[in-house]
């Protein structure tokens, strides 16, 4: 009991110290939020906290040391805030650093929390989760037969990560509400954040899977490479199922398509949370017509890029509404290799739109659909008829049947197909103007 009484005395002393000191630093009437932050700690609640801690220490069926109780209390403080704030123990802190650097072990899945369950924000391309068919919006209700109801995100992440080659079973609920099991094999996830390929002559495709520390530089290099021969007519920037990542990377990617103006700004309670990011004059995209693809798995940094290009009229945004994660998390290192991941601000697009719980609405809504080739036409035309009149231009269509062309990326992806068609239409319109 002595240790608990000592803790209570320390908390009471802290309550009296913090109030006056912080109040003296406020030289002008503070907003209600800041006054709340400067108020003395509530003594009745502190007494209750210490009493609960003592009851657990003396009455719980198994002994629990004070360090464990205090660490659990810290976790509880963070878990009660919002789905993206968390207390990071040393292992979780290292895992977060691995994720932003682009290599980590596990399933390759970005998760959030909804109604006490773990919700899939998006699977990452070419990872165990993506290959197993995990989709954005799936609810994970069990991890290896252990219910996740009430489980913290960090605990869920810790359970899903493990040694490469080991198996894990997720119980998932999708739209129809019937649970089903998915067995996955953990792997070392190496995320290449930028991938490009040619769709048709003059039309390129750029896929961003995640915003890592080097993503902005890689996008610039790829754009310069695509524009090197001066024949680029259009670009599809694919941000679908991109869960976000590093804020600075999002700013750099948007800057690669803009030559001036605001990209994004943040607002929070602390003065250093109010930031503004603007474009530089360098524009490696050279103003090429661009369509940005988004969907419900596009979150955070993806929404920053889509919102900036939309507000500036720089690109056509196509697809479905984005996820709506418009909050800024700051990682605050603590002692003993621990850290807080704390929500400290909200994102706003250049026109002042909040992304939080709203997302980005596409300029052209296109739901995903499956494309299949229809049966061929009869194939008989005027040029195939015996005795047909010749074309006075001296050009006739060959009558030899050509074999089917191999499938291209846009042939199996309806949204991508529509984006490419729009780019071609824009170029035709420009040429006629």
Protein backbone atom coordinates (compact mmCIF):
# COMPACT_ATOMS: atom_id res chain seq x y z
CA UNK A 1 0.00 0.00 0.00
CA UNK A 2 2.96 2.30 0.65
CA UNK A 3 3.90 2.39 -3.05
CA UNK A 4 0.33 3.28 -4.03
CA UNK A 5 0.12 6.05 -1.42
CA UNK A 6 3.41 7.39 -2.71
CA UNK A 7 2.00 7.41 -6.26
CA UNK A 8 -1.12 9.26 -5.09
CA UNK A 9 1.00 11.85 -3.26
CA UNK A 10 3.14 12.34 -6.37
CA UNK A 11 0.07 12.76 -8.57
CA UNK A 12 -1.47 15.30 -6.19
CA UNK A 13 1.79 17.27 -6.10
CA UNK A 14 1.93 17.16 -9.89
CA UNK A 15 -1.65 18.42 -10.09
CA UNK A 16 -0.82 21.50 -8.03
CA UNK A 17 2.45 22.14 -9.87
CA UNK A 18 1.20 21.82 -13.44
CA UNK A 19 -1.81 24.09 -13.03
CA UNK A 20 -0.14 27.33 -11.93
CA UNK A 21 3.00 26.88 -14.07
CA UNK A 22 1.08 26.35 -17.32
CA UNK A 23 -1.37 29.13 -16.49
CA UNK A 24 1.49 31.59 -16.05
CA UNK A 25 2.79 30.77 -19.53
CA UNK A 26 -0.52 31.87 -21.08
CA UNK A 27 -0.19 35.58 -21.72
CA UNK A 28 -3.62 35.99 -23.36
CA UNK A 29 -7.06 34.45 -22.78
CA UNK A 30 -6.70 30.86 -24.02
CA UNK A 31 -9.28 28.92 -26.03
CA UNK A 32 -11.39 26.46 -24.06
CA UNK A 33 -9.25 23.53 -25.17
CA UNK A 34 -6.02 25.16 -24.00
CA UNK A 35 -7.60 26.16 -20.66
CA UNK A 36 -8.65 22.56 -20.21
CA UNK A 37 -5.09 21.40 -20.86
CA UNK A 38 -3.74 23.90 -18.28
CA UNK A 39 -6.23 22.99 -15.53
CA UNK A 40 -5.01 21.10 -12.46
CA UNK A 41 -5.31 17.33 -12.57
CA UNK A 42 -8.63 16.10 -11.11
CA UNK A 43 -7.90 14.84 -7.60
CA UNK A 44 -11.02 12.71 -7.20
CA UNK A 45 -10.26 10.79 -10.40
CA UNK A 46 -6.63 10.35 -9.32
CA UNK A 47 -7.78 8.91 -6.00
CA UNK A 48 -10.09 6.54 -7.89
CA UNK A 49 -7.25 5.47 -10.17
CA UNK A 50 -4.96 4.72 -7.25
CA UNK A 51 -7.74 2.90 -5.40
CA UNK A 52 -8.47 0.71 -8.44
CA UNK A 53 -4.79 -0.05 -8.80
CA UNK A 54 -4.55 -1.07 -5.14
CA UNK A 55 -7.68 -3.29 -5.38
CA UNK A 56 -6.17 -5.10 -8.38
CA UNK A 57 -2.86 -5.57 -6.59
CA UNK A 58 -4.49 -7.10 -3.53
CA UNK A 59 -7.58 -8.89 -4.86
CA UNK A 60 -6.85 -10.08 -8.39
CA UNK A 61 -6.65 -13.86 -8.67
CA UNK A 62 -2.98 -13.73 -9.72
CA UNK A 63 -0.25 -11.33 -8.59
CA UNK A 64 0.35 -8.39 -10.94
CA UNK A 65 3.38 -6.16 -10.51
CA UNK A 66 3.07 -2.38 -10.42
CA UNK A 67 5.03 -1.88 -13.67
CA UNK A 68 2.54 -4.06 -15.60
CA UNK A 69 -0.44 -2.26 -14.10
CA UNK A 70 0.97 1.16 -14.98
CA UNK A 71 1.84 0.10 -18.52
CA UNK A 72 -1.69 -1.27 -18.99
CA UNK A 73 -3.05 2.04 -17.69
CA UNK A 74 -1.01 3.89 -20.28
CA UNK A 75 -2.32 1.63 -23.04
CA UNK A 76 -5.84 2.28 -21.83
CA UNK A 77 -5.34 6.04 -22.06
CA UNK A 78 -4.30 5.76 -25.69
CA UNK A 79 -6.90 3.14 -26.65
CA UNK A 80 -9.66 5.44 -25.40
CA UNK A 81 -8.74 8.28 -27.77
CA UNK A 82 -9.10 7.41 -31.46
CA UNK A 83 -8.31 4.35 -33.62
CA UNK A 84 -4.93 5.72 -34.74
CA UNK A 85 -3.38 6.73 -31.41
CA UNK A 86 -1.40 4.01 -29.67
CA UNK A 87 1.24 3.25 -27.07
CA UNK A 88 4.23 1.59 -28.71
CA UNK A 89 6.36 -0.81 -26.73
CA UNK A 90 9.92 -1.40 -28.05
CA UNK A 91 8.83 -4.14 -30.47
CA UNK A 92 5.91 -2.13 -31.84
CA UNK A 93 8.13 0.97 -32.17
CA UNK A 94 10.67 -0.99 -34.21
CA UNK A 95 7.86 -2.43 -36.32
CA UNK A 96 6.57 1.06 -37.15
CA UNK A 97 10.04 2.14 -38.22
CA UNK A 98 10.37 -0.96 -40.41
CA UNK A 99 7.02 -0.25 -42.07
CA UNK A 100 7.94 3.30 -43.09
CA UNK A 101 11.32 2.15 -44.40
CA UNK A 102 9.64 -0.38 -46.69
CA UNK A 103 10.59 -3.80 -45.28
CA UNK A 104 8.96 -5.76 -42.47
CA UNK A 105 7.74 -9.22 -41.57
CA UNK A 106 4.10 -10.23 -41.55
CA UNK A 107 1.08 -10.28 -43.86
CA UNK A 108 1.25 -6.95 -45.70
CA UNK A 109 -2.02 -5.51 -44.44
CA UNK A 110 -3.00 -2.04 -43.21
CA UNK A 111 -5.65 -2.16 -40.48
CA UNK A 112 -7.88 0.12 -38.43
CA UNK A 113 -10.61 -0.45 -35.87
CA UNK A 114 -14.39 -0.43 -36.21
CA UNK A 115 -17.00 -1.43 -33.61
CA UNK A 116 -14.36 -3.27 -31.62
CA UNK A 117 -13.24 -5.36 -34.60
CA UNK A 118 -10.15 -5.04 -36.77
CA UNK A 119 -10.98 -3.51 -40.16
CA UNK A 120 -8.83 -3.88 -43.26
CA UNK A 121 -7.97 -0.48 -44.72
CA UNK A 122 -6.13 -2.13 -47.56
CA UNK A 123 -3.86 -5.04 -48.44
CA UNK A 124 -0.48 -4.09 -49.90
CA UNK A 125 0.32 -5.26 -53.42
CA UNK A 126 2.22 -8.53 -53.85
CA UNK A 127 2.04 -9.55 -50.18
CA UNK A 128 0.51 -12.61 -48.48
CA UNK A 129 -2.67 -10.65 -47.68
CA UNK A 130 -3.17 -9.50 -51.28
CA UNK A 131 -2.43 -12.95 -52.71
CA UNK A 132 -4.90 -14.56 -50.28
CA UNK A 133 -7.71 -12.31 -51.50
CA UNK A 134 -8.04 -10.05 -48.44
CA UNK A 135 -9.99 -6.94 -49.51
CA UNK A 136 -10.39 -3.37 -48.32
CA UNK A 137 -13.32 -3.19 -45.91
CA UNK A 138 -13.03 -6.77 -44.60
CA UNK A 139 -13.62 -7.15 -40.87
CA UNK A 140 -11.25 -9.51 -39.06
CA UNK A 141 -13.15 -11.11 -36.17
CA UNK A 142 -10.67 -13.82 -35.16
CA UNK A 143 -6.91 -14.32 -35.36
CA UNK A 144 -6.05 -18.02 -35.04
CA UNK A 145 -9.43 -18.69 -33.37
CA UNK A 146 -8.86 -15.89 -30.85
CA UNK A 147 -11.67 -13.28 -30.96
CA UNK A 148 -10.42 -9.75 -31.62
CA UNK A 149 -13.42 -7.95 -30.12
CA UNK A 150 -11.92 -5.25 -27.90
CA UNK A 151 -8.34 -6.10 -28.89
CA UNK A 152 -6.10 -3.08 -29.47
CA UNK A 153 -4.67 -2.49 -32.93
CA UNK A 154 -1.12 -2.90 -31.65
CA UNK A 155 -1.99 -6.25 -30.06
CA UNK A 156 -3.59 -7.37 -33.33
CA UNK A 157 -0.51 -6.30 -35.29
CA UNK A 158 1.73 -8.19 -32.88
CA UNK A 159 -0.34 -11.37 -33.32
CA UNK A 160 -0.38 -11.14 -37.12
CA UNK A 161 3.36 -10.58 -37.39
CA UNK A 162 5.71 -13.48 -36.89
CA UNK A 163 8.47 -15.57 -38.35
CA UNK A 164 8.42 -15.83 -42.16
CA UNK A 165 7.03 -19.17 -43.29
CA UNK A 166 4.72 -19.62 -40.32
CA UNK A 167 0.97 -19.89 -40.91
CA UNK A 168 -1.90 -17.86 -39.53
CA UNK A 169 -5.67 -18.16 -39.97
CA UNK A 170 -7.90 -15.08 -40.08
CA UNK A 171 -11.67 -15.28 -39.71
CA UNK A 172 -13.12 -12.55 -41.92
CA UNK A 173 -16.56 -11.03 -42.47
CA UNK A 174 -17.32 -9.39 -45.81
CA UNK A 175 -20.40 -7.67 -47.24
CA UNK A 176 -22.81 -10.59 -46.87
CA UNK A 177 -22.01 -10.90 -43.16
CA UNK A 178 -21.06 -14.57 -43.23
CA UNK A 179 -17.66 -15.32 -41.63
CA UNK A 180 -15.10 -17.34 -43.54
CA UNK A 181 -11.53 -18.38 -42.84
CA UNK A 182 -8.43 -17.35 -44.78
CA UNK A 183 -5.14 -19.13 -44.18
CA UNK A 184 -2.00 -17.12 -44.89
CA UNK A 185 1.71 -17.73 -44.66
CA UNK A 186 3.78 -14.96 -43.15
CA UNK A 187 6.61 -13.55 -45.22
CA UNK A 188 9.21 -10.82 -45.20
CA UNK A 189 7.25 -8.01 -46.80
CA UNK A 190 9.36 -5.85 -49.08
CA UNK A 191 7.24 -3.06 -50.45
CA UNK A 192 8.33 -1.41 -53.70
CA UNK A 193 6.30 1.77 -53.36
CA UNK A 194 6.39 2.85 -57.03
CA UNK A 195 5.82 0.75 -60.14
CA UNK A 196 5.37 1.94 -63.74
CA UNK A 197 4.52 0.29 -67.04
CA UNK A 198 3.24 1.21 -70.48
CA UNK A 199 -0.46 0.76 -71.22
CA UNK A 200 -0.52 1.87 -74.86
CA UNK A 201 2.00 3.85 -76.91
CA UNK A 202 2.27 7.26 -75.22
CA UNK A 203 0.19 6.27 -72.18
CA UNK A 204 1.81 5.20 -68.93
CA UNK A 205 0.64 3.69 -65.68
CA UNK A 206 2.16 4.54 -62.29
CA UNK A 207 1.14 2.52 -59.23
CA UNK A 208 1.88 3.77 -55.70
CA UNK A 209 1.41 1.05 -53.09
CA UNK A 210 2.51 3.03 -50.04
CA UNK A 211 4.14 6.35 -49.12
CA UNK A 212 7.61 5.61 -47.80
CA UNK A 213 10.47 7.98 -47.06
CA UNK A 214 11.89 7.59 -50.60
CA UNK A 215 8.59 7.53 -52.54
CA UNK A 216 8.74 11.19 -53.58
CA UNK A 217 12.22 10.84 -55.06
CA UNK A 218 11.23 7.66 -56.89
CA UNK A 219 8.13 9.30 -58.42
CA UNK A 220 10.23 12.20 -59.67
CA UNK A 221 12.77 9.85 -61.24
CA UNK A 222 10.07 7.80 -62.94
CA UNK A 223 8.32 10.89 -64.32
CA UNK A 224 11.60 12.25 -65.69
CA UNK A 225 12.28 8.88 -67.30
CA UNK A 226 8.78 8.69 -68.83
CA UNK A 227 9.10 12.22 -70.21
CA UNK A 228 12.65 11.76 -71.48
CA UNK A 229 11.62 11.09 -75.09
CA UNK A 230 8.82 13.68 -75.05
CA UNK A 231 6.22 11.19 -76.28
CA UNK A 232 4.17 10.81 -73.08
CA UNK A 233 0.54 11.71 -73.84
CA UNK A 234 -1.14 10.69 -70.60
CA UNK A 235 -0.58 9.10 -67.21
CA UNK A 236 -2.76 7.05 -64.87
CA UNK A 237 -1.69 7.51 -61.23
CA UNK A 238 -3.11 4.57 -59.27
CA UNK A 239 -3.67 5.24 -55.55
CA UNK A 240 -6.26 2.52 -55.02
CA UNK A 241 -5.75 0.49 -51.84
CA UNK A 242 -2.85 2.72 -50.87
CA UNK A 243 -3.11 3.09 -47.08
CA UNK A 244 -0.86 6.15 -46.91
CA UNK A 245 2.37 6.55 -44.98
CA UNK A 246 4.83 9.40 -44.61
CA UNK A 247 3.36 12.92 -44.87
CA UNK A 248 6.48 14.41 -46.48
CA UNK A 249 6.34 11.74 -49.20
CA UNK A 250 2.75 12.72 -50.03
CA UNK A 251 3.79 16.37 -50.30
CA UNK A 252 6.69 15.45 -52.62
CA UNK A 253 4.47 13.31 -54.85
CA UNK A 254 1.88 16.09 -55.22
CA UNK A 255 4.71 18.56 -55.87
CA UNK A 256 5.81 16.39 -58.80
CA UNK A 257 2.55 17.32 -60.56
CA UNK A 258 2.25 20.97 -59.47
CA UNK A 259 4.43 24.01 -60.06
CA UNK A 260 2.86 26.38 -57.50
CA UNK A 261 0.22 26.69 -54.82
CA UNK A 262 -0.72 25.07 -51.53
CA UNK A 263 -0.62 21.26 -51.32
CA UNK A 264 -1.97 20.58 -47.82
CA UNK A 265 -2.15 22.19 -44.43
CA UNK A 266 -2.64 20.81 -40.94
CA UNK A 267 -4.27 22.26 -37.85
CA UNK A 268 -4.00 21.09 -34.26
CA UNK A 269 -4.03 22.39 -30.70
CA UNK A 270 -0.27 22.91 -30.52
CA UNK A 271 1.30 25.74 -32.47
CA UNK A 272 3.83 23.41 -34.09
CA UNK A 273 0.93 21.29 -35.42
CA UNK A 274 -0.14 24.09 -37.74
CA UNK A 275 1.85 23.44 -40.90
CA UNK A 276 1.50 24.47 -44.54
CA UNK A 277 3.16 22.72 -47.49
CA UNK A 278 3.39 24.38 -50.91
CA UNK A 279 4.57 23.26 -54.32
CA UNK A 280 7.88 24.26 -55.85
CA UNK A 281 8.36 25.41 -59.43
CA UNK A 282 9.86 22.09 -60.47
CA UNK A 283 7.33 19.96 -62.35
CA UNK A 284 8.76 16.67 -63.66
CA UNK A 285 5.31 15.66 -64.94
CA UNK A 286 5.50 18.54 -67.47
CA UNK A 287 1.75 19.03 -67.22
CA UNK A 288 0.92 15.69 -68.88
CA UNK A 289 -2.83 14.87 -68.70
CA UNK A 290 -3.34 12.73 -65.59
CA UNK A 291 -6.12 10.58 -64.17
CA UNK A 292 -5.86 9.57 -60.51
CA UNK A 293 -7.59 6.33 -59.49
CA UNK A 294 -8.94 6.10 -55.92
CA UNK A 295 -11.19 3.81 -53.90
CA UNK A 296 -12.20 3.03 -50.33
CA UNK A 297 -8.72 1.68 -49.60
CA UNK A 298 -7.05 5.00 -50.48
CA UNK A 299 -6.25 6.65 -47.16
CA UNK A 300 -4.28 9.40 -45.48
CA UNK A 301 -1.33 10.37 -47.72
CA UNK A 302 -3.22 9.08 -50.78
CA UNK A 303 -6.07 11.44 -49.95
CA UNK A 304 -3.65 14.34 -49.57
CA UNK A 305 -2.33 13.80 -53.11
CA UNK A 306 -5.77 13.25 -54.65
CA UNK A 307 -7.23 16.26 -52.83
CA UNK A 308 -4.40 18.59 -53.86
CA UNK A 309 -4.51 17.60 -57.53
CA UNK A 310 -8.30 17.84 -57.52
CA UNK A 311 -8.41 21.31 -55.93
CA UNK A 312 -5.82 22.63 -58.38
CA UNK A 313 -7.63 21.10 -61.37
CA UNK A 314 -4.40 19.30 -62.22
CA UNK A 315 -5.89 15.82 -62.62
CA UNK A 316 -9.20 14.06 -63.06
CA UNK A 317 -10.02 11.98 -59.99
CA UNK A 318 -11.79 8.74 -60.89
CA UNK A 319 -13.08 5.76 -58.93
CA UNK A 320 -15.00 5.69 -55.64
CA UNK A 321 -14.89 7.65 -52.36
CA UNK A 322 -11.69 7.34 -50.35
CA UNK A 323 -11.34 6.02 -46.80
CA UNK A 324 -11.48 9.37 -44.98
CA UNK A 325 -8.44 9.24 -42.69
CA UNK A 326 -7.62 12.91 -42.39
CA UNK A 327 -5.70 12.91 -39.11
CA UNK A 328 -2.00 13.43 -38.46
CA UNK A 329 -0.14 11.03 -36.17
CA UNK A 330 3.07 12.18 -34.54
CA UNK A 331 5.47 9.61 -33.12
CA UNK A 332 6.76 10.90 -29.79
CA UNK A 333 9.71 8.82 -28.51
CA UNK A 334 9.74 8.04 -24.79
CA UNK A 335 12.44 6.53 -22.62
CA UNK A 336 13.22 2.81 -22.62
CA UNK A 337 12.78 2.57 -26.42
CA UNK A 338 9.04 3.23 -26.19
CA UNK A 339 6.94 5.82 -28.00
CA UNK A 340 3.50 7.35 -28.35
CA UNK A 341 1.79 7.47 -31.71
CA UNK A 342 -0.54 10.37 -31.04
CA UNK A 343 -3.09 12.11 -33.24
CA UNK A 344 -2.05 15.76 -33.12
CA UNK A 345 -3.71 17.48 -36.09
CA UNK A 346 -6.11 17.19 -39.03
CA UNK A 347 -5.37 17.46 -42.76
CA UNK A 348 -7.05 20.01 -45.02
CA UNK A 349 -6.93 20.25 -48.80
CA UNK A 350 -5.84 23.51 -50.48
CA UNK A 351 -9.50 24.63 -50.68
CA UNK A 352 -9.99 24.03 -46.95
CA UNK A 353 -11.81 20.70 -47.12
CA UNK A 354 -11.32 18.41 -44.16
CA UNK A 355 -10.49 14.85 -45.20
CA UNK A 356 -11.38 13.36 -41.79
CA UNK A 357 -14.36 10.96 -41.95
CA UNK A 358 -15.25 12.57 -45.29
CA UNK A 359 -12.63 11.45 -47.75
CA UNK A 360 -12.20 12.58 -51.34
CA UNK A 361 -15.10 12.23 -53.74
CA UNK A 362 -14.05 11.40 -57.32
CA UNK A 363 -14.81 13.76 -60.20
CA UNK A 364 -16.04 10.74 -62.14
CA UNK A 365 -17.47 7.87 -60.12
CA UNK A 366 -16.56 4.50 -61.57
CA UNK A 367 -17.23 1.32 -59.60
CA UNK A 368 -14.87 -1.57 -60.09
CA UNK A 369 -16.20 -4.26 -62.44
CA UNK A 370 -14.87 -7.32 -64.17
CA UNK A 371 -14.06 -7.03 -67.85
CA UNK A 372 -14.52 -10.01 -70.12
CA UNK A 373 -14.04 -10.21 -73.84
CA UNK A 374 -17.25 -10.71 -75.73
CA UNK A 375 -17.62 -13.15 -78.55
CA UNK A 376 -16.23 -11.86 -81.79
CA UNK A 377 -18.38 -10.18 -84.41
CA UNK A 378 -19.32 -12.05 -87.59
CA UNK A 379 -16.26 -10.56 -89.21
CA UNK A 380 -17.83 -10.08 -92.66
CA UNK A 381 -17.52 -6.55 -94.01
CA UNK A 382 -17.83 -4.86 -97.38
CA UNK A 383 -14.21 -5.59 -98.21
CA UNK A 384 -14.88 -9.32 -97.77
CA UNK A 385 -17.68 -9.44 -100.37
CA UNK A 386 -16.87 -10.78 -103.83
CA UNK A 387 -16.83 -8.05 -106.46
CA UNK A 388 -16.80 -5.17 -103.96
CA UNK A 389 -15.85 -1.75 -105.30
CA UNK A 390 -12.33 -0.58 -104.60
CA UNK A 391 -11.56 2.30 -102.27
CA UNK A 392 -10.51 5.36 -104.27
CA UNK A 393 -7.86 6.08 -101.65
CA UNK A 394 -6.10 2.91 -102.70
CA UNK A 395 -6.28 1.46 -99.19
CA UNK A 396 -8.18 -1.66 -98.24
CA UNK A 397 -8.53 -3.55 -94.98
CA UNK A 398 -6.67 -6.89 -94.94
CA UNK A 399 -9.02 -9.84 -94.95
CA UNK A 400 -6.63 -12.12 -93.06
CA UNK A 401 -7.84 -12.76 -89.50
CA UNK A 402 -5.30 -11.74 -86.89
CA UNK A 403 -4.90 -13.75 -83.67
CA UNK A 404 -6.27 -12.36 -80.39
CA UNK A 405 -4.00 -9.83 -78.73
CA UNK A 406 -2.54 -10.75 -75.34
CA UNK A 407 -4.32 -9.27 -72.35
CA UNK A 408 -2.99 -5.91 -71.20
CA UNK A 409 -3.37 -4.51 -67.63
CA UNK A 410 -6.33 -2.36 -68.69
CA UNK A 411 -8.12 -5.33 -70.24
CA UNK A 412 -8.73 -6.94 -66.83
CA UNK A 413 -9.28 -3.74 -64.83
CA UNK A 414 -12.44 -1.78 -65.63
CA UNK A 415 -11.48 1.38 -63.71
CA UNK A 416 -8.06 1.46 -65.35
CA UNK A 417 -9.66 0.90 -68.73
CA UNK A 418 -11.98 3.85 -68.18
CA UNK A 419 -9.08 6.05 -67.07
CA UNK A 420 -7.12 5.22 -70.21
CA UNK A 421 -10.14 5.92 -72.43
CA UNK A 422 -10.60 9.30 -70.73
CA UNK A 423 -6.96 10.23 -71.35
CA UNK A 424 -7.27 9.32 -75.01
CA UNK A 425 -10.43 11.39 -75.26
CA UNK A 426 -8.71 14.39 -73.66
CA UNK A 427 -5.87 14.17 -76.18
CA UNK A 428 -8.29 13.92 -79.12
CA UNK A 429 -10.14 16.99 -77.82
CA UNK A 430 -6.87 18.90 -77.45
CA UNK A 431 -5.77 18.00 -80.96
CA UNK A 432 -9.05 19.26 -82.44
CA UNK A 433 -8.87 22.50 -80.49
